[in-house]
Amino acid sequence: MTTLYTTDHEWLRIDGDIATIGVTDYAQSQLGDVVFVELPKVGSKLTKAAAVAVVESVKAASDVYAPITGEVTEVNEELVADPALVNSDAGGKAWFFKIRIADKSELDGLMDEAAYKAHTG
């Protein structure tokens, strides 16, 4: 399983043709205490760079963007019930949604962990 990152602070775990997507620990540290998460619907067709989910914290609301094009195959209902999971486990239990990857070449523009760490400084 490969993990990649976007400049918008989303992570993707690639397993075959499915990508699990969430926000990075860096993103959640910038947001503060997360109080609400809105996820896309299963079956939604997502276009790369489109706003597809919302994270609200005590400080601000932020969009989550589709890092690649694909169809939503699953959403994390546990996250809707307990949005604070983003603060406690952004890189694990607080995944947002899974999509079936439409075009694997879109993965080429994403960063590996070392590049992401350099990006966030």
C-alpha atoms as a PDB file:
ATOM      1  CA  MET A   1       0.000   0.000   0.000  1.00  0.00           C
ATOM      2  CA  THR A   2       1.400   3.382  -1.053  1.00  0.00           C
ATOM      3  CA  THR A   3       0.637   6.682   0.703  1.00  0.00           C
ATOM      4  CA  LEU A   4       0.742   9.910  -1.312  1.00  0.00           C
ATOM      5  CA  TYR A   5       0.021  13.538  -0.390  1.00  0.00           C
ATOM      6  CA  THR A   6      -1.421  16.664  -2.019  1.00  0.00           C
ATOM      7  CA  THR A   7      -0.402  20.299  -1.628  1.00  0.00           C
ATOM      8  CA  ASP A   8      -3.906  20.802  -0.116  1.00  0.00           C
ATOM      9  CA  HIS A   9      -2.928  18.492   2.789  1.00  0.00           C
ATOM     10  CA  GLU A  10      -4.901  15.388   1.867  1.00  0.00           C
ATOM     11  CA  TRP A  11      -3.413  11.915   2.027  1.00  0.00           C
ATOM     12  CA  LEU A  12      -4.257   8.977  -0.212  1.00  0.00           C
ATOM     13  CA  ARG A  13      -3.565   5.327   0.533  1.00  0.00           C
ATOM     14  CA  ILE A  14      -3.500   3.420  -2.718  1.00  0.00           C
ATOM     15  CA  ASP A  15      -4.545  -0.241  -2.648  1.00  0.00           C
ATOM     16  CA  GLY A  16      -4.999  -1.553  -6.179  1.00  0.00           C
ATOM     17  CA  ASP A  17      -7.574   0.663  -7.899  1.00  0.00           C
ATOM     18  CA  ILE A  18      -9.021   2.043  -4.636  1.00  0.00           C
ATOM     19  CA  ALA A  19      -7.722   5.169  -2.889  1.00  0.00           C
ATOM     20  CA  THR A  20      -8.633   5.906   0.733  1.00  0.00           C
ATOM     21  CA  ILE A  21      -8.547   9.662   1.354  1.00  0.00           C
ATOM     22  CA  GLY A  22      -8.232  11.775   4.479  1.00  0.00           C
ATOM     23  CA  VAL A  23      -6.637  14.975   5.728  1.00  0.00           C
ATOM     24  CA  THR A  24      -3.114  15.061   7.103  1.00  0.00           C
ATOM     25  CA  ASP A  25      -2.124  15.606  10.699  1.00  0.00           C
ATOM     26  CA  TYR A  26      -0.653  18.937   9.573  1.00  0.00           C
ATOM     27  CA  ALA A  27      -4.073  19.993   8.216  1.00  0.00           C
ATOM     28  CA  GLN A  28      -5.901  19.041  11.404  1.00  0.00           C
ATOM     29  CA  SER A  29      -3.317  20.899  13.525  1.00  0.00           C
ATOM     30  CA  GLN A  30      -4.032  24.044  11.483  1.00  0.00           C
ATOM     31  CA  LEU A  31      -7.804  23.582  11.800  1.00  0.00           C
ATOM     32  CA  GLY A  32      -7.983  23.057  15.554  1.00  0.00           C
ATOM     33  CA  ASP A  33     -10.820  21.099  17.178  1.00  0.00           C
ATOM     34  CA  VAL A  34     -12.984  19.568  14.441  1.00  0.00           C
ATOM     35  CA  VAL A  35     -16.715  19.726  15.236  1.00  0.00           C
ATOM     36  CA  PHE A  36     -18.400  18.737  11.935  1.00  0.00           C
ATOM     37  CA  VAL A  37     -17.573  16.755   8.799  1.00  0.00           C
ATOM     38  CA  GLU A  38     -19.649  16.566   5.617  1.00  0.00           C
ATOM     39  CA  LEU A  39     -18.753  13.733   3.247  1.00  0.00           C
ATOM     40  CA  PRO A  40     -19.629  13.020  -0.399  1.00  0.00           C
ATOM     41  CA  LYS A  41     -22.310  10.440  -1.212  1.00  0.00           C
ATOM     42  CA  VAL A  42     -21.432   6.878  -2.216  1.00  0.00           C
ATOM     43  CA  GLY A  43     -21.673   6.665  -5.992  1.00  0.00           C
ATOM     44  CA  SER A  44     -20.669  10.304  -6.516  1.00  0.00           C
ATOM     45  CA  LYS A  45     -18.333  10.882  -9.442  1.00  0.00           C
ATOM     46  CA  LEU A  46     -15.507  13.152  -8.321  1.00  0.00           C
ATOM     47  CA  THR A  47     -13.331  15.291 -10.536  1.00  0.00           C
ATOM     48  CA  LYS A  48      -9.742  16.005  -9.545  1.00  0.00           C
ATOM     49  CA  ALA A  49      -9.406  19.322  -7.638  1.00  0.00           C
ATOM     50  CA  ALA A  50     -13.176  19.700  -7.037  1.00  0.00           C
ATOM     51  CA  ALA A  51     -14.371  20.453  -3.487  1.00  0.00           C
ATOM     52  CA  VAL A  52     -16.023  17.239  -2.286  1.00  0.00           C
ATOM     53  CA  ALA A  53     -16.195  17.381   1.513  1.00  0.00           C
ATOM     54  CA  VAL A  54     -16.233  19.954   4.303  1.00  0.00           C
ATOM     55  CA  VAL A  55     -14.436  20.027   7.648  1.00  0.00           C
ATOM     56  CA  GLU A  56     -15.574  22.543  10.259  1.00  0.00           C
ATOM     57  CA  SER A  57     -13.577  23.372  13.355  1.00  0.00           C
ATOM     58  CA  VAL A  58     -14.000  25.872  16.137  1.00  0.00           C
ATOM     59  CA  LYS A  59     -11.727  28.157  14.065  1.00  0.00           C
ATOM     60  CA  ALA A  60     -12.908  27.758  10.459  1.00  0.00           C
ATOM     61  CA  ALA A  61     -14.569  25.671   7.777  1.00  0.00           C
ATOM     62  CA  SER A  62     -12.383  24.150   5.073  1.00  0.00           C
ATOM     63  CA  ASP A  63     -13.086  22.262   1.895  1.00  0.00           C
ATOM     64  CA  VAL A  64     -11.544  18.882   1.195  1.00  0.00           C
ATOM     65  CA  TYR A  65     -10.670  18.465  -2.472  1.00  0.00           C
ATOM     66  CA  ALA A  66     -10.688  15.358  -4.626  1.00  0.00           C
ATOM     67  CA  PRO A  67      -7.008  14.579  -5.127  1.00  0.00           C
ATOM     68  CA  ILE A  68      -7.826  12.429  -8.159  1.00  0.00           C
ATOM     69  CA  THR A  69     -10.786  11.636 -10.408  1.00  0.00           C
ATOM     70  CA  GLY A  70     -12.940   8.661  -9.461  1.00  0.00           C
ATOM     71  CA  GLU A  71     -16.177   7.303  -8.009  1.00  0.00           C
ATOM     72  CA  VAL A  72     -16.903   7.224  -4.261  1.00  0.00           C
ATOM     73  CA  THR A  73     -17.187   3.598  -3.152  1.00  0.00           C
ATOM     74  CA  GLU A  74     -17.421   4.123   0.616  1.00  0.00           C
ATOM     75  CA  VAL A  75     -17.602   6.923   3.202  1.00  0.00           C
ATOM     76  CA  ASN A  76     -16.545   6.874   6.843  1.00  0.00           C
ATOM     77  CA  GLU A  77     -19.851   7.114   8.731  1.00  0.00           C
ATOM     78  CA  GLU A  78     -17.950   6.864  12.036  1.00  0.00           C
ATOM     79  CA  LEU A  79     -16.369  10.235  11.194  1.00  0.00           C
ATOM     80  CA  VAL A  80     -19.785  11.871  10.743  1.00  0.00           C
ATOM     81  CA  ALA A  81     -20.849  10.592  14.162  1.00  0.00           C
ATOM     82  CA  ASP A  82     -17.539  11.550  15.803  1.00  0.00           C
ATOM     83  CA  PRO A  83     -15.792  14.369  13.864  1.00  0.00           C
ATOM     84  CA  ALA A  84     -13.202  14.734  16.659  1.00  0.00           C
ATOM     85  CA  LEU A  85     -11.566  11.569  15.253  1.00  0.00           C
ATOM     86  CA  VAL A  86      -9.841  13.946  12.824  1.00  0.00           C
ATOM     87  CA  ASN A  87      -7.988  15.459  15.780  1.00  0.00           C
ATOM     88  CA  SER A  88      -7.095  12.178  17.443  1.00  0.00           C
ATOM     89  CA  ASP A  89      -6.272   9.995  14.396  1.00  0.00           C
ATOM     90  CA  ALA A  90      -6.110  12.072  11.188  1.00  0.00           C
ATOM     91  CA  GLY A  91      -3.894   9.544   9.427  1.00  0.00           C
ATOM     92  CA  GLY A  92      -5.832   6.452  10.489  1.00  0.00           C
ATOM     93  CA  LYS A  93      -9.419   6.010  11.725  1.00  0.00           C
ATOM     94  CA  ALA A  94     -10.400   9.478  10.459  1.00  0.00           C
ATOM     95  CA  TRP A  95     -10.287   8.610   6.753  1.00  0.00           C
ATOM     96  CA  PHE A  96     -13.007  10.469   4.823  1.00  0.00           C
ATOM     97  CA  PHE A  97     -13.901   8.382   1.775  1.00  0.00           C
ATOM     98  CA  LYS A  98     -12.694   5.772  -0.688  1.00  0.00           C
ATOM     99  CA  ILE A  99     -12.768   6.181  -4.439  1.00  0.00           C
ATOM    100  CA  ARG A 100     -12.218   3.898  -7.392  1.00  0.00           C
ATOM    101  CA  ILE A 101      -9.338   5.517  -9.295  1.00  0.00           C
ATOM    102  CA  ALA A 102     -10.384   6.541 -12.814  1.00  0.00           C
ATOM    103  CA  ASP A 103      -6.937   7.497 -14.137  1.00  0.00           C
ATOM    104  CA  LYS A 104      -3.808   6.241 -12.350  1.00  0.00           C
ATOM    105  CA  SER A 105      -1.650   8.752 -14.235  1.00  0.00           C
ATOM    106  CA  GLU A 106      -3.153  11.452 -11.964  1.00  0.00           C
ATOM    107  CA  LEU A 107      -1.156   9.912  -9.101  1.00  0.00           C
ATOM    108  CA  ASP A 108       2.071  11.056 -10.778  1.00  0.00           C
ATOM    109  CA  GLY A 109       1.590  14.663  -9.639  1.00  0.00           C
ATOM    110  CA  LEU A 110       1.298  13.762  -5.937  1.00  0.00           C
ATOM    111  CA  MET A 111       4.033  13.803  -3.292  1.00  0.00           C
ATOM    112  CA  ASP A 112       5.577  10.990  -1.309  1.00  0.00           C
ATOM    113  CA  GLU A 113       6.067  11.399   2.445  1.00  0.00           C
ATOM    114  CA  ALA A 114       9.522  12.982   2.167  1.00  0.00           C
ATOM    115  CA  ALA A 115       8.331  15.554  -0.386  1.00  0.00           C
ATOM    116  CA  TYR A 116       5.260  16.339   1.743  1.00  0.00           C
ATOM    117  CA  LYS A 117       7.401  16.869   4.859  1.00  0.00           C
ATOM    118  CA  ALA A 118       9.590  19.264   2.862  1.00  0.00           C
ATOM    119  CA  HIS A 119       6.425  21.032   1.604  1.00  0.00           C
ATOM    120  CA  THR A 120       5.093  21.616   5.126  1.00  0.00           C
ATOM    121  CA  GLY A 121       8.540  22.563   6.411  1.00  0.00           C
END
